[in-house]
């Protein structure tokens, strides 16, 4: 029950993203990548705006998907996706059914995913 707001690459928060965070009066921002993608300076800029910032980024996309799943409550089933486009295509259905989307390889399930 929250919007997904994207920001561009770089060391500063994208102006349109900043405007949207302000307009929506966001109280909490979940960052779904590590600082290799969303730079610490961007995270610091968001924090300076007032919201609480919660980092969910893992060492890779598989761990990140599990970190996101762990934040969800009353999960009884999951959606599995092999790629980001697959994850995006199932996102609305997964959200409507309170299902986290776990990423996996096409031939194996990463241990972090199977452990979850």
Protein backbone atom coordinates (compact mmCIF):
# COMPACT_ATOMS: atom_id res chain seq x y z
CA UNK A 1 0.00 0.00 0.00
CA UNK A 2 2.76 2.36 -0.99
CA UNK A 3 3.94 3.83 -4.26
CA UNK A 4 7.17 2.75 -5.89
CA UNK A 5 9.18 5.84 -6.71
CA UNK A 6 12.26 5.54 -8.87
CA UNK A 7 15.29 7.76 -8.88
CA UNK A 8 18.01 8.12 -11.46
CA UNK A 9 21.64 7.13 -11.05
CA UNK A 10 24.02 9.62 -9.57
CA UNK A 11 25.09 11.24 -6.35
CA UNK A 12 21.99 13.43 -5.95
CA UNK A 13 18.33 12.63 -5.51
CA UNK A 14 16.47 13.09 -8.78
CA UNK A 15 14.48 16.38 -8.68
CA UNK A 16 11.22 14.73 -9.75
CA UNK A 17 11.65 12.03 -7.11
CA UNK A 18 12.35 14.63 -4.44
CA UNK A 19 9.26 16.61 -5.46
CA UNK A 20 7.10 13.47 -5.30
CA UNK A 21 8.40 12.50 -1.86
CA UNK A 22 7.59 16.02 -0.66
CA UNK A 23 4.15 16.08 -2.31
CA UNK A 24 3.18 12.74 -0.77
CA UNK A 25 4.52 13.79 2.65
CA UNK A 26 6.36 10.47 2.87
CA UNK A 27 7.24 9.35 6.40
CA UNK A 28 9.20 6.16 5.56
CA UNK A 29 11.32 5.30 2.53
CA UNK A 30 12.37 1.72 1.86
CA UNK A 31 15.51 1.66 -0.26
CA UNK A 32 15.57 -1.59 -2.22
CA UNK A 33 19.16 -1.60 -3.35
CA UNK A 34 22.58 -1.24 -1.87
CA UNK A 35 24.79 1.84 -2.01
CA UNK A 36 26.39 0.60 -5.23
CA UNK A 37 23.12 1.60 -6.92
CA UNK A 38 21.52 4.21 -4.64
CA UNK A 39 24.49 6.23 -3.39
CA UNK A 40 24.89 7.07 0.29
CA UNK A 41 24.68 10.77 -0.60
CA UNK A 42 21.16 10.16 -2.01
CA UNK A 43 20.14 8.29 1.15
CA UNK A 44 21.52 11.14 3.26
CA UNK A 45 19.55 13.64 1.17
CA UNK A 46 16.33 11.68 1.74
CA UNK A 47 17.02 11.49 5.48
CA UNK A 48 17.59 15.26 5.57
CA UNK A 49 14.09 15.71 4.15
CA UNK A 50 12.67 14.03 7.26
CA UNK A 51 11.58 10.49 6.35
CA UNK A 52 12.90 7.42 8.11
CA UNK A 53 15.05 5.47 5.64
CA UNK A 54 15.07 1.68 5.85
CA UNK A 55 17.61 -0.14 3.72
CA UNK A 56 16.50 -3.49 2.30
CA UNK A 57 19.37 -3.95 -0.12
CA UNK A 58 21.22 -7.23 0.08
CA UNK A 59 24.50 -8.43 -1.36
CA UNK A 60 22.61 -9.33 -4.55
CA UNK A 61 19.11 -9.21 -6.04
CA UNK A 62 18.18 -12.54 -4.46
CA UNK A 63 19.01 -11.43 -0.93
CA UNK A 64 17.27 -8.12 -1.58
CA UNK A 65 14.07 -9.93 -2.61
CA UNK A 66 14.21 -11.95 0.64
CA UNK A 67 14.85 -8.80 2.71
CA UNK A 68 11.73 -7.24 1.20
CA UNK A 69 9.71 -10.41 1.83
CA UNK A 70 10.77 -10.42 5.48
CA UNK A 71 9.18 -6.98 5.94
CA UNK A 72 5.78 -8.29 4.84
CA UNK A 73 3.25 -9.62 7.33
CA UNK A 74 0.90 -12.61 7.10
CA UNK A 75 2.62 -14.12 4.06
CA UNK A 76 1.16 -17.49 3.08
CA UNK A 77 2.48 -17.81 -0.46
CA UNK A 78 5.11 -16.23 -2.69
CA UNK A 79 5.57 -15.36 -6.34
CA UNK A 80 8.77 -16.53 -8.02
CA UNK A 81 10.43 -14.56 -10.81
CA UNK A 82 13.57 -15.17 -12.82
CA UNK A 83 14.23 -11.60 -13.87
CA UNK A 84 13.29 -8.02 -13.13
CA UNK A 85 10.85 -7.84 -16.10
CA UNK A 86 9.18 -11.02 -14.81
CA UNK A 87 8.96 -9.51 -11.33
CA UNK A 88 7.41 -6.32 -12.70
CA UNK A 89 4.85 -8.26 -14.71
CA UNK A 90 3.60 -10.12 -11.63
CA UNK A 91 3.89 -7.20 -9.21
CA UNK A 92 0.26 -6.04 -9.25
CA UNK A 93 -1.08 -9.57 -8.75
CA UNK A 94 1.46 -10.30 -6.02
CA UNK A 95 0.60 -7.04 -4.24
CA UNK A 96 -3.13 -7.75 -4.40
CA UNK A 97 -2.52 -11.15 -2.80
CA UNK A 98 0.08 -10.04 -0.22
CA UNK A 99 2.72 -12.16 -1.93
CA UNK A 100 6.38 -11.19 -1.88
CA UNK A 101 8.24 -11.68 -5.15
CA UNK A 102 11.33 -13.83 -4.72
CA UNK A 103 13.96 -13.77 -7.44
CA UNK A 104 15.66 -16.95 -8.57
CA UNK A 105 17.99 -18.27 -11.24
CA UNK A 106 16.45 -20.17 -14.14
CA UNK A 107 18.19 -23.44 -13.16
CA UNK A 108 18.70 -23.16 -9.39
CA UNK A 109 17.18 -21.57 -6.33
CA UNK A 110 19.72 -19.44 -4.45
CA UNK A 111 20.23 -20.61 -0.87
CA UNK A 112 19.04 -17.32 0.60
CA UNK A 113 15.72 -17.78 -1.23
CA UNK A 114 15.26 -21.44 -0.32
CA UNK A 115 16.10 -20.64 3.33
CA UNK A 116 13.32 -18.07 3.43
